[in-house]
PDB file of N, CA and C in Angstrom:
ATOM      1  N   GLN A   1     139.202  36.937 107.512  1.00  0.00           N
ATOM      2  CA  GLN A   1     140.610  37.100 107.312  1.00  0.00           C
ATOM      3  C   GLN A   1     141.240  35.710 107.248  1.00  0.00           C
ATOM      4  N   VAL A   2     142.271  35.671 106.353  1.00  0.00           N
ATOM      5  CA  VAL A   2     143.057  34.401 106.099  1.00  0.00           C
ATOM      6  C   VAL A   2     144.443  34.558 106.656  1.00  0.00           C
ATOM      7  N   GLN A   3     144.950  33.526 107.267  1.00  0.00           N
ATOM      8  CA  GLN A   3     146.333  33.527 107.754  1.00  0.00           C
ATOM      9  C   GLN A   3     147.129  32.553 106.842  1.00  0.00           C
ATOM     10  N   LEU A   4     148.297  32.946 106.464  1.00  0.00           N
ATOM     11  CA  LEU A   4     149.123  32.163 105.512  1.00  0.00           C
ATOM     12  C   LEU A   4     150.496  31.921 106.196  1.00  0.00           C
ATOM     13  N   VAL A   5     150.972  30.714 106.109  1.00  0.00           N
ATOM     14  CA  VAL A   5     152.274  30.361 106.670  1.00  0.00           C
ATOM     15  C   VAL A   5     153.033  29.620 105.631  1.00  0.00           C
ATOM     16  N   GLU A   6     154.201  30.215 105.212  1.00  0.00           N
ATOM     17  CA  GLU A   6     155.068  29.606 104.257  1.00  0.00           C
ATOM     18  C   GLU A   6     156.138  28.708 104.933  1.00  0.00           C
ATOM     19  N   SER A   7     156.613  27.747 104.178  1.00  0.00           N
ATOM     20  CA  SER A   7     157.725  26.924 104.625  1.00  0.00           C
ATOM     21  C   SER A   7     158.439  26.419 103.383  1.00  0.00           C
ATOM     22  N   GLY A   8     159.716  25.935 103.582  1.00  0.00           N
ATOM     23  CA  GLY A   8     160.411  25.291 102.499  1.00  0.00           C
ATOM     24  C   GLY A   8     161.618  26.097 101.921  1.00  0.00           C
ATOM     25  N   GLY A   9     161.795  27.284 102.377  1.00  0.00           N
ATOM     26  CA  GLY A   9     162.875  28.062 101.817  1.00  0.00           C
ATOM     27  C   GLY A   9     164.167  27.508 102.378  1.00  0.00           C
ATOM     28  N   GLY A  10     165.284  28.130 101.841  1.00  0.00           N
ATOM     29  CA  GLY A  10     166.604  27.687 102.352  1.00  0.00           C
ATOM     30  C   GLY A  10     167.687  28.000 101.355  1.00  0.00           C
ATOM     31  N   LEU A  11     168.779  27.447 101.567  1.00  0.00           N
ATOM     32  CA  LEU A  11     170.020  27.667 100.733  1.00  0.00           C
ATOM     33  C   LEU A  11     170.193  26.494  99.798  1.00  0.00           C
ATOM     34  N   VAL A  12     170.449  26.801  98.521  1.00  0.00           N
ATOM     35  CA  VAL A  12     170.595  25.715  97.559  1.00  0.00           C
ATOM     36  C   VAL A  12     171.621  26.231  96.521  1.00  0.00           C
ATOM     37  N   GLN A  13     172.282  25.263  95.920  1.00  0.00           N
ATOM     38  CA  GLN A  13     173.274  25.638  94.781  1.00  0.00           C
ATOM     39  C   GLN A  13     172.550  25.895  93.547  1.00  0.00           C
ATOM     40  N   ALA A  14     173.139  26.660  92.718  1.00  0.00           N
ATOM     41  CA  ALA A  14     172.578  26.905  91.405  1.00  0.00           C
ATOM     42  C   ALA A  14     172.353  25.566  90.646  1.00  0.00           C
ATOM     43  N   GLY A  15     171.149  25.452  90.025  1.00  0.00           N
ATOM     44  CA  GLY A  15     170.778  24.243  89.349  1.00  0.00           C
ATOM     45  C   GLY A  15     169.975  23.298  90.220  1.00  0.00           C
ATOM     46  N   GLY A  16     169.885  23.633  91.477  1.00  0.00           N
ATOM     47  CA  GLY A  16     169.144  22.764  92.451  1.00  0.00           C
ATOM     48  C   GLY A  16     167.695  23.069  92.442  1.00  0.00           C
ATOM     49  N   SER A  17     166.980  22.403  93.381  1.00  0.00           N
ATOM     50  CA  SER A  17     165.544  22.478  93.454  1.00  0.00           C
ATOM     51  C   SER A  17     165.122  22.797  94.935  1.00  0.00           C
ATOM     52  N   LEU A  18     163.988  23.431  95.023  1.00  0.00           N
ATOM     53  CA  LEU A  18     163.378  23.661  96.357  1.00  0.00           C
ATOM     54  C   LEU A  18     161.838  23.579  96.117  1.00  0.00           C
ATOM     55  N   ARG A  19     161.087  23.260  97.154  1.00  0.00           N
ATOM     56  CA  ARG A  19     159.678  23.274  97.063  1.00  0.00           C
ATOM     57  C   ARG A  19     159.133  24.137  98.195  1.00  0.00           C
ATOM     58  N   LEU A  20     158.382  25.156  97.878  1.00  0.00           N
ATOM     59  CA  LEU A  20     157.813  26.018  98.876  1.00  0.00           C
ATOM     60  C   LEU A  20     156.330  25.562  99.097  1.00  0.00           C
ATOM     61  N   SER A  21     155.944  25.718 100.328  1.00  0.00           N
ATOM     62  CA  SER A  21     154.581  25.320 100.726  1.00  0.00           C
ATOM     63  C   SER A  21     153.932  26.467 101.467  1.00  0.00           C
ATOM     64  N   CYS A  22     152.598  26.689 101.237  1.00  0.00           N
ATOM     65  CA  CYS A  22     151.929  27.727 101.964  1.00  0.00           C
ATOM     66  C   CYS A  22     150.603  27.134 102.478  1.00  0.00           C
ATOM     67  N   ALA A  23     150.416  27.224 103.735  1.00  0.00           N
ATOM     68  CA  ALA A  23     149.179  26.674 104.388  1.00  0.00           C
ATOM     69  C   ALA A  23     148.292  27.843 104.761  1.00  0.00           C
ATOM     70  N   ALA A  24     147.040  27.728 104.382  1.00  0.00           N
ATOM     71  CA  ALA A  24     146.094  28.759 104.685  1.00  0.00           C
ATOM     72  C   ALA A  24     145.127  28.345 105.778  1.00  0.00           C
ATOM     73  N   SER A  25     144.806  29.227 106.705  1.00  0.00           N
ATOM     74  CA  SER A  25     143.802  28.926 107.726  1.00  0.00           C
ATOM     75  C   SER A  25     142.916  30.141 107.927  1.00  0.00           C
ATOM     76  N   GLY A  26     141.830  29.949 108.652  1.00  0.00           N
ATOM     77  CA  GLY A  26     140.908  31.061 108.842  1.00  0.00           C
ATOM     78  C   GLY A  26     139.773  30.913 107.855  1.00  0.00           C
ATOM     79  N   ARG A  27     139.311  32.026 107.324  1.00  0.00           N
ATOM     80  CA  ARG A  27     138.180  32.056 106.386  1.00  0.00           C
ATOM     81  C   ARG A  27     138.597  31.716 104.960  1.00  0.00           C
ATOM     82  N   THR A  28     139.028  30.467 104.828  1.00  0.00           N
ATOM     83  CA  THR A  28     139.578  29.976 103.568  1.00  0.00           C
ATOM     84  C   THR A  28     138.525  29.714 102.506  1.00  0.00           C
ATOM     85  N   PHE A  29     137.293  29.603 102.877  1.00  0.00           N
ATOM     86  CA  PHE A  29     136.205  29.264 101.907  1.00  0.00           C
ATOM     87  C   PHE A  29     136.029  30.206 100.820  1.00  0.00           C
ATOM     88  N   SER A  30     136.448  31.519 101.017  1.00  0.00           N
ATOM     89  CA  SER A  30     136.219  32.532 100.016  1.00  0.00           C
ATOM     90  C   SER A  30     137.463  32.884  99.247  1.00  0.00           C
ATOM     91  N   ILE A  31     138.539  32.091  99.354  1.00  0.00           N
ATOM     92  CA  ILE A  31     139.760  32.330  98.640  1.00  0.00           C
ATOM     93  C   ILE A  31     139.555  31.997  97.192  1.00  0.00           C
ATOM     94  N   ASN A  32     139.928  32.874  96.222  1.00  0.00           N
ATOM     95  CA  ASN A  32     139.893  32.502  94.832  1.00  0.00           C
ATOM     96  C   ASN A  32     141.343  32.317  94.342  1.00  0.00           C
ATOM     97  N   THR A  33     142.029  33.387  93.998  1.00  0.00           N
ATOM     98  CA  THR A  33     143.447  33.122  93.495  1.00  0.00           C
ATOM     99  C   THR A  33     144.464  33.061  94.667  1.00  0.00           C
ATOM    100  N   MET A  34     145.355  32.132  94.520  1.00  0.00           N
ATOM    101  CA  MET A  34     146.566  32.060  95.440  1.00  0.00           C
ATOM    102  C   MET A  34     147.777  32.142  94.540  1.00  0.00           C
ATOM    103  N   GLY A  35     148.834  32.666  95.148  1.00  0.00           N
ATOM    104  CA  GLY A  35     150.060  32.841  94.388  1.00  0.00           C
ATOM    105  C   GLY A  35     151.300  33.040  95.187  1.00  0.00           C
ATOM    106  N   TRP A  36     152.382  33.172  94.472  1.00  0.00           N
ATOM    107  CA  TRP A  36     153.664  33.431  95.047  1.00  0.00           C
ATOM    108  C   TRP A  36     154.272  34.716  94.517  1.00  0.00           C
ATOM    109  N   PHE A  37     154.795  35.529  95.330  1.00  0.00           N
ATOM    110  CA  PHE A  37     155.531  36.754  94.958  1.00  0.00           C
ATOM    111  C   PHE A  37     156.922  36.642  95.520  1.00  0.00           C
ATOM    112  N   ARG A  38     157.800  37.452  95.007  1.00  0.00           N
ATOM    113  CA  ARG A  38     159.217  37.483  95.619  1.00  0.00           C
ATOM    114  C   ARG A  38     159.714  38.903  95.598  1.00  0.00           C
ATOM    115  N   GLN A  39     160.608  39.147  96.570  1.00  0.00           N
ATOM    116  CA  GLN A  39     161.231  40.432  96.596  1.00  0.00           C
ATOM    117  C   GLN A  39     162.693  40.292  96.934  1.00  0.00           C
ATOM    118  N   ALA A  40     163.531  40.715  96.002  1.00  0.00           N
ATOM    119  CA  ALA A  40     164.956  40.703  96.162  1.00  0.00           C
ATOM    120  C   ALA A  40     165.384  42.072  96.774  1.00  0.00           C
ATOM    121  N   PRO A  41     166.555  42.063  97.422  1.00  0.00           N
ATOM    122  CA  PRO A  41     167.055  43.361  97.981  1.00  0.00           C
ATOM    123  C   PRO A  41     167.157  44.482  96.991  1.00  0.00           C
ATOM    124  N   GLY A  42     166.558  45.575  97.356  1.00  0.00           N
ATOM    125  CA  GLY A  42     166.592  46.728  96.477  1.00  0.00           C
ATOM    126  C   GLY A  42     165.648  46.688  95.308  1.00  0.00           C
ATOM    127  N   LYS A  43     164.780  45.671  95.282  1.00  0.00           N
ATOM    128  CA  LYS A  43     163.873  45.541  94.128  1.00  0.00           C
ATOM    129  C   LYS A  43     162.439  45.501  94.646  1.00  0.00           C
ATOM    130  N   GLU A  44     161.511  45.786  93.721  1.00  0.00           N
ATOM    131  CA  GLU A  44     160.089  45.716  94.101  1.00  0.00           C
ATOM    132  C   GLU A  44     159.647  44.318  94.143  1.00  0.00           C
ATOM    133  N   ARG A  45     158.572  44.041  94.923  1.00  0.00           N
ATOM    134  CA  ARG A  45     157.922  42.733  94.948  1.00  0.00           C
ATOM    135  C   ARG A  45     157.326  42.437  93.580  1.00  0.00           C
ATOM    136  N   GLU A  46     157.525  41.184  93.113  1.00  0.00           N
ATOM    137  CA  GLU A  46     157.060  40.828  91.795  1.00  0.00           C
ATOM    138  C   GLU A  46     156.259  39.486  91.925  1.00  0.00           C
ATOM    139  N   LEU A  47     155.352  39.346  91.021  1.00  0.00           N
ATOM    140  CA  LEU A  47     154.626  38.102  90.922  1.00  0.00           C
ATOM    141  C   LEU A  47     155.515  36.974  90.300  1.00  0.00           C
ATOM    142  N   VAL A  48     155.488  35.846  90.949  1.00  0.00           N
ATOM    143  CA  VAL A  48     156.250  34.643  90.435  1.00  0.00           C
ATOM    144  C   VAL A  48     155.262  33.766  89.674  1.00  0.00           C
ATOM    145  N   ALA A  49     154.172  33.347  90.416  1.00  0.00           N
ATOM    146  CA  ALA A  49     153.235  32.394  89.849  1.00  0.00           C
ATOM    147  C   ALA A  49     151.881  32.586  90.599  1.00  0.00           C
ATOM    148  N   SER A  50     150.801  32.310  89.895  1.00  0.00           N
ATOM    149  CA  SER A  50     149.500  32.315  90.535  1.00  0.00           C
ATOM    150  C   SER A  50     148.615  31.237  90.046  1.00  0.00           C
ATOM    151  N   SER A  51     147.656  30.887  90.810  1.00  0.00           N
ATOM    152  CA  SER A  51     146.647  29.808  90.386  1.00  0.00           C
ATOM    153  C   SER A  51     145.314  30.243  90.870  1.00  0.00           C
ATOM    154  N   SER A  52     144.413  30.320  89.873  1.00  0.00           N
ATOM    155  CA  SER A  52     143.032  30.726  90.226  1.00  0.00           C
ATOM    156  C   SER A  52     142.224  29.512  90.683  1.00  0.00           C
ATOM    157  N   SER A  53     141.074  29.740  91.295  1.00  0.00           N
ATOM    158  CA  SER A  53     140.216  28.748  91.804  1.00  0.00           C
ATOM    159  C   SER A  53     139.737  27.816  90.653  1.00  0.00           C
ATOM    160  N   GLY A  54     139.735  28.371  89.436  1.00  0.00           N
ATOM    161  CA  GLY A  54     139.324  27.590  88.252  1.00  0.00           C
ATOM    162  C   GLY A  54     140.420  26.810  87.608  1.00  0.00           C
ATOM    163  N   GLY A  55     141.703  26.905  88.166  1.00  0.00           N
ATOM    164  CA  GLY A  55     142.765  26.160  87.672  1.00  0.00           C
ATOM    165  C   GLY A  55     143.685  26.855  86.714  1.00  0.00           C
ATOM    166  N   THR A  56     143.370  28.080  86.437  1.00  0.00           N
ATOM    167  CA  THR A  56     144.245  28.835  85.512  1.00  0.00           C
ATOM    168  C   THR A  56     145.527  29.270  86.233  1.00  0.00           C
ATOM    169  N   THR A  57     146.677  29.063  85.595  1.00  0.00           N
ATOM    170  CA  THR A  57     147.917  29.405  86.217  1.00  0.00           C
ATOM    171  C   THR A  57     148.594  30.466  85.370  1.00  0.00           C
ATOM    172  N   ASN A  58     149.429  31.255  86.030  1.00  0.00           N
ATOM    173  CA  ASN A  58     150.122  32.349  85.400  1.00  0.00           C
ATOM    174  C   ASN A  58     151.554  32.376  85.999  1.00  0.00           C
ATOM    175  N   TYR A  59     152.535  32.557  85.093  1.00  0.00           N
ATOM    176  CA  TYR A  59     153.919  32.619  85.549  1.00  0.00           C
ATOM    177  C   TYR A  59     154.654  33.859  85.028  1.00  0.00           C
ATOM    178  N   ALA A  60     155.577  34.307  85.785  1.00  0.00           N
ATOM    179  CA  ALA A  60     156.532  35.347  85.336  1.00  0.00           C
ATOM    180  C   ALA A  60     157.352  34.743  84.241  1.00  0.00           C
ATOM    181  N   ASP A  61     157.736  35.467  83.250  1.00  0.00           N
ATOM    182  CA  ASP A  61     158.493  34.955  82.115  1.00  0.00           C
ATOM    183  C   ASP A  61     159.845  34.420  82.602  1.00  0.00           C
ATOM    184  N   SER A  62     160.392  34.954  83.654  1.00  0.00           N
ATOM    185  CA  SER A  62     161.698  34.539  84.098  1.00  0.00           C
ATOM    186  C   SER A  62     161.681  33.167  84.755  1.00  0.00           C
ATOM    187  N   VAL A  63     160.513  32.622  85.086  1.00  0.00           N
ATOM    188  CA  VAL A  63     160.465  31.317  85.748  1.00  0.00           C
ATOM    189  C   VAL A  63     159.705  30.251  84.930  1.00  0.00           C
ATOM    190  N   LYS A  64     159.198  30.631  83.789  1.00  0.00           N
ATOM    191  CA  LYS A  64     158.439  29.704  82.970  1.00  0.00           C
ATOM    192  C   LYS A  64     159.345  28.501  82.551  1.00  0.00           C
ATOM    193  N   GLY A  65     158.853  27.294  82.681  1.00  0.00           N
ATOM    194  CA  GLY A  65     159.607  26.165  82.386  1.00  0.00           C
ATOM    195  C   GLY A  65     160.455  25.640  83.535  1.00  0.00           C
ATOM    196  N   ARG A  66     160.645  26.445  84.511  1.00  0.00           N
ATOM    197  CA  ARG A  66     161.431  26.012  85.715  1.00  0.00           C
ATOM    198  C   ARG A  66     160.609  25.806  86.988  1.00  0.00           C
ATOM    199  N   PHE A  67     159.594  26.646  87.184  1.00  0.00           N
ATOM    200  CA  PHE A  67     158.736  26.646  88.372  1.00  0.00           C
ATOM    201  C   PHE A  67     157.358  26.087  88.006  1.00  0.00           C
ATOM    202  N   ALA A  68     156.762  25.493  89.013  1.00  0.00           N
ATOM    203  CA  ALA A  68     155.415  24.973  88.818  1.00  0.00           C
ATOM    204  C   ALA A  68     154.569  25.230  90.094  1.00  0.00           C
ATOM    205  N   ILE A  69     153.427  25.825  89.913  1.00  0.00           N
ATOM    206  CA  ILE A  69     152.522  26.089  91.013  1.00  0.00           C
ATOM    207  C   ILE A  69     151.400  25.051  91.041  1.00  0.00           C
ATOM    208  N   SER A  70     151.039  24.669  92.240  1.00  0.00           N
ATOM    209  CA  SER A  70     149.888  23.687  92.304  1.00  0.00           C
ATOM    210  C   SER A  70     149.168  24.010  93.648  1.00  0.00           C
ATOM    211  N   ARG A  71     147.879  23.703  93.759  1.00  0.00           N
ATOM    212  CA  ARG A  71     147.131  23.856  94.967  1.00  0.00           C
ATOM    213  C   ARG A  71     146.129  22.759  95.128  1.00  0.00           C
ATOM    214  N   ASP A  72     145.730  22.489  96.258  1.00  0.00           N
ATOM    215  CA  ASP A  72     144.799  21.416  96.563  1.00  0.00           C
ATOM    216  C   ASP A  72     143.368  21.948  96.413  1.00  0.00           C
ATOM    217  N   ASN A  73     142.464  21.020  96.238  1.00  0.00           N
ATOM    218  CA  ASN A  73     141.062  21.460  95.988  1.00  0.00           C
ATOM    219  C   ASN A  73     140.448  22.039  97.171  1.00  0.00           C
ATOM    220  N   SER A  74     140.914  21.884  98.330  1.00  0.00           N
ATOM    221  CA  SER A  74     140.295  22.466  99.552  1.00  0.00           C
ATOM    222  C   SER A  74     140.699  23.915  99.585  1.00  0.00           C
ATOM    223  N   ARG A  75     141.619  24.427  98.758  1.00  0.00           N
ATOM    224  CA  ARG A  75     142.043  25.800  98.709  1.00  0.00           C
ATOM    225  C   ARG A  75     142.813  26.181  99.984  1.00  0.00           C
ATOM    226  N   LYS A  76     143.304  25.162 100.641  1.00  0.00           N
ATOM    227  CA  LYS A  76     143.983  25.487 101.918  1.00  0.00           C
ATOM    228  C   LYS A  76     145.505  25.404 101.735  1.00  0.00           C
ATOM    229  N   ARG A  77     146.025  24.974 100.615  1.00  0.00           N
ATOM    230  CA  ARG A  77     147.530  24.881 100.460  1.00  0.00           C
ATOM    231  C   ARG A  77     147.900  25.162  99.018  1.00  0.00           C
ATOM    232  N   VAL A  78     149.009  25.833  98.878  1.00  0.00           N
ATOM    233  CA  VAL A  78     149.529  26.046  97.517  1.00  0.00           C
ATOM    234  C   VAL A  78     151.049  25.759  97.584  1.00  0.00           C
ATOM    235  N   LEU A  79     151.541  25.122  96.587  1.00  0.00           N
ATOM    236  CA  LEU A  79     152.923  24.697  96.536  1.00  0.00           C
ATOM    237  C   LEU A  79     153.650  25.423  95.324  1.00  0.00           C
ATOM    238  N   LEU A  80     154.857  25.632  95.458  1.00  0.00           N
ATOM    239  CA  LEU A  80     155.689  26.130  94.346  1.00  0.00           C
ATOM    240  C   LEU A  80     156.931  25.243  94.250  1.00  0.00           C
ATOM    241  N   GLN A  81     156.964  24.472  93.176  1.00  0.00           N
ATOM    242  CA  GLN A  81     158.129  23.631  92.947  1.00  0.00           C
ATOM    243  C   GLN A  81     159.059  24.427  92.034  1.00  0.00           C
ATOM    244  N   MET A  82     160.280  24.591  92.523  1.00  0.00           N
ATOM    245  CA  MET A  82     161.300  25.425  91.870  1.00  0.00           C
ATOM    246  C   MET A  82     162.447  24.582  91.466  1.00  0.00           C
ATOM    247  N   ASN A  83     162.656  24.407  90.152  1.00  0.00           N
ATOM    248  CA  ASN A  83     163.759  23.643  89.611  1.00  0.00           C
ATOM    249  C   ASN A  83     164.664  24.519  88.832  1.00  0.00           C
ATOM    250  N   GLY A  84     165.926  24.019  88.577  1.00  0.00           N
ATOM    251  CA  GLY A  84     166.853  24.811  87.806  1.00  0.00           C
ATOM    252  C   GLY A  84     167.138  26.192  88.396  1.00  0.00           C
ATOM    253  N   LEU A  85     167.261  26.279  89.746  1.00  0.00           N
ATOM    254  CA  LEU A  85     167.360  27.582  90.382  1.00  0.00           C
ATOM    255  C   LEU A  85     168.641  28.307  89.965  1.00  0.00           C
ATOM    256  N   LYS A  86     168.526  29.600  89.791  1.00  0.00           N
ATOM    257  CA  LYS A  86     169.567  30.522  89.394  1.00  0.00           C
ATOM    258  C   LYS A  86     169.824  31.484  90.542  1.00  0.00           C
ATOM    259  N   SER A  87     171.013  32.133  90.568  1.00  0.00           N
ATOM    260  CA  SER A  87     171.303  33.135  91.543  1.00  0.00           C
ATOM    261  C   SER A  87     170.282  34.253  91.560  1.00  0.00           C
ATOM    262  N   GLU A  88     169.767  34.575  90.379  1.00  0.00           N
ATOM    263  CA  GLU A  88     168.794  35.729  90.350  1.00  0.00           C
ATOM    264  C   GLU A  88     167.447  35.342  90.959  1.00  0.00           C
ATOM    265  N   ASP A  89     167.254  34.064  91.345  1.00  0.00           N
ATOM    266  CA  ASP A  89     166.083  33.672  91.991  1.00  0.00           C
ATOM    267  C   ASP A  89     166.099  33.943  93.489  1.00  0.00           C
ATOM    268  N   THR A  90     167.273  34.385  93.953  1.00  0.00           N
ATOM    269  CA  THR A  90     167.464  34.680  95.396  1.00  0.00           C
ATOM    270  C   THR A  90     166.563  35.836  95.773  1.00  0.00           C
ATOM    271  N   ALA A  91     165.729  35.582  96.828  1.00  0.00           N
ATOM    272  CA  ALA A  91     164.699  36.606  97.224  1.00  0.00           C
ATOM    273  C   ALA A  91     163.980  36.081  98.442  1.00  0.00           C
ATOM    274  N   VAL A  92     163.208  36.906  99.098  1.00  0.00           N
ATOM    275  CA  VAL A  92     162.201  36.447  99.994  1.00  0.00           C
ATOM    276  C   VAL A  92     160.883  36.165  99.219  1.00  0.00           C
ATOM    277  N   TYR A  93     160.392  34.996  99.438  1.00  0.00           N
ATOM    278  CA  TYR A  93     159.169  34.516  98.655  1.00  0.00           C
ATOM    279  C   TYR A  93     157.981  34.638  99.581  1.00  0.00           C
ATOM    280  N   TYR A  94     156.904  35.285  99.099  1.00  0.00           N
ATOM    281  CA  TYR A  94     155.716  35.495  99.870  1.00  0.00           C
ATOM    282  C   TYR A  94     154.547  34.841  99.245  1.00  0.00           C
ATOM    283  N   CYS A  95     153.747  34.155 100.055  1.00  0.00           N
ATOM    284  CA  CYS A  95     152.496  33.554  99.653  1.00  0.00           C
ATOM    285  C   CYS A  95     151.380  34.670  99.693  1.00  0.00           C
ATOM    286  N   ALA A  96     150.452  34.618  98.789  1.00  0.00           N
ATOM    287  CA  ALA A  96     149.383  35.580  98.829  1.00  0.00           C
ATOM    288  C   ALA A  96     148.094  34.842  98.495  1.00  0.00           C
ATOM    289  N   ALA A  97     147.005  35.356  99.061  1.00  0.00           N
ATOM    290  CA  ALA A  97     145.678  34.738  98.819  1.00  0.00           C
ATOM    291  C   ALA A  97     144.700  35.918  98.669  1.00  0.00           C
ATOM    292  N   ASP A  98     143.902  35.867  97.586  1.00  0.00           N
ATOM    293  CA  ASP A  98     142.904  36.880  97.270  1.00  0.00           C
ATOM    294  C   ASP A  98     141.486  36.407  97.600  1.00  0.00           C
ATOM    295  N   GLN A  99     140.771  37.257  98.208  1.00  0.00           N
ATOM    296  CA  GLN A  99     139.322  37.165  98.568  1.00  0.00           C
ATOM    297  C   GLN A  99     138.654  38.351  98.051  1.00  0.00           C
ATOM    298  N   GLY A 100     138.126  38.314  96.865  1.00  0.00           N
ATOM    299  CA  GLY A 100     137.584  39.486  96.230  1.00  0.00           C
ATOM    300  C   GLY A 100     138.667  40.531  95.997  1.00  0.00           C
ATOM    301  N   ALA A 101     138.502  41.741  96.569  1.00  0.00           N
ATOM    302  CA  ALA A 101     139.475  42.773  96.455  1.00  0.00           C
ATOM    303  C   ALA A 101     140.503  42.771  97.526  1.00  0.00           C
ATOM    304  N   ASN A 102     140.418  41.877  98.439  1.00  0.00           N
ATOM    305  CA  ASN A 102     141.351  41.818  99.582  1.00  0.00           C
ATOM    306  C   ASN A 102     142.418  40.754  99.299  1.00  0.00           C
ATOM    307  N   ARG A 103     143.669  41.105  99.717  1.00  0.00           N
ATOM    308  CA  ARG A 103     144.795  40.200  99.518  1.00  0.00           C
ATOM    309  C   ARG A 103     145.461  40.065 100.918  1.00  0.00           C
ATOM    310  N   SER A 104     145.665  38.754 101.296  1.00  0.00           N
ATOM    311  CA  SER A 104     146.447  38.471 102.505  1.00  0.00           C
ATOM    312  C   SER A 104     147.790  37.972 102.126  1.00  0.00           C
ATOM    313  N   TRP A 105     148.733  38.261 103.008  1.00  0.00           N
ATOM    314  CA  TRP A 105     150.142  37.915 102.777  1.00  0.00           C
ATOM    315  C   TRP A 105     150.706  37.007 103.838  1.00  0.00           C
ATOM    316  N   GLY A 106     151.599  36.103 103.546  1.00  0.00           N
ATOM    317  CA  GLY A 106     152.368  35.362 104.488  1.00  0.00           C
ATOM    318  C   GLY A 106     153.504  36.177 104.949  1.00  0.00           C
ATOM    319  N   GLN A 107     154.307  35.619 105.889  1.00  0.00           N
ATOM    320  CA  GLN A 107     155.360  36.306 106.509  1.00  0.00           C
ATOM    321  C   GLN A 107     156.663  36.289 105.600  1.00  0.00           C
ATOM    322  N   GLY A 108     156.696  35.401 104.592  1.00  0.00           N
ATOM    323  CA  GLY A 108     157.808  35.270 103.732  1.00  0.00           C
ATOM    324  C   GLY A 108     158.791  34.257 104.176  1.00  0.00           C
ATOM    325  N   THR A 109     159.465  33.620 103.160  1.00  0.00           N
ATOM    326  CA  THR A 109     160.521  32.681 103.417  1.00  0.00           C
ATOM    327  C   THR A 109     161.611  32.948 102.502  1.00  0.00           C
ATOM    328  N   GLN A 110     162.861  32.883 103.056  1.00  0.00           N
ATOM    329  CA  GLN A 110     164.033  33.274 102.266  1.00  0.00           C
ATOM    330  C   GLN A 110     164.515  32.103 101.382  1.00  0.00           C
ATOM    331  N   VAL A 111     164.801  32.427 100.166  1.00  0.00           N
ATOM    332  CA  VAL A 111     165.380  31.449  99.241  1.00  0.00           C
ATOM    333  C   VAL A 111     166.689  32.097  98.769  1.00  0.00           C
ATOM    334  N   THR A 112     167.817  31.336  99.010  1.00  0.00           N
ATOM    335  CA  THR A 112     169.130  31.852  98.577  1.00  0.00           C
ATOM    336  C   THR A 112     169.767  30.776  97.676  1.00  0.00           C
ATOM    337  N   VAL A 113     170.140  31.272  96.482  1.00  0.00           N
ATOM    338  CA  VAL A 113     170.727  30.376  95.507  1.00  0.00           C
ATOM    339  C   VAL A 113     172.265  30.766  95.381  1.00  0.00           C
ATOM    340  N   SER A 114     173.098  29.903  95.674  1.00  0.00           N
ATOM    341  CA  SER A 114     174.541  30.197  95.574  1.00  0.00           C
ATOM    342  C   SER A 114     175.086  29.696  94.221  1.00  0.00           C
ATOM    343  N   SER A 115     175.961  30.544  93.648  1.00  0.00           N
ATOM    344  CA  SER A 115     176.496  30.247  92.299  1.00  0.00           C
ATOM    345  C   SER A 115     177.847  29.574  92.387  1.00  0.00           C
TER     346      SER A 115
END
């Protein structure tokens, strides 16, 4: 089992930037893909960005060109740099880590963008 702890959320004005960090502990050696999801009030959880162990990244269309995901080679941390934030980016952001068919989740961190 992997434990994930997110940090870096907060309140920011539209157009501003935030960087989210997710630290993994436990059985991290078997992690392949890590990523970020978000869930806004009344909406389903959606993928924001992901990074495979081979370095392939994937982004939601709504964040392309504004967000960047990165992870260290030890597979123990993943970052999400968010620039040009918009009010529609307001949500709880969750870190996720995949080990085969199993997915672990962090507790979530709130991001609020004021317009």
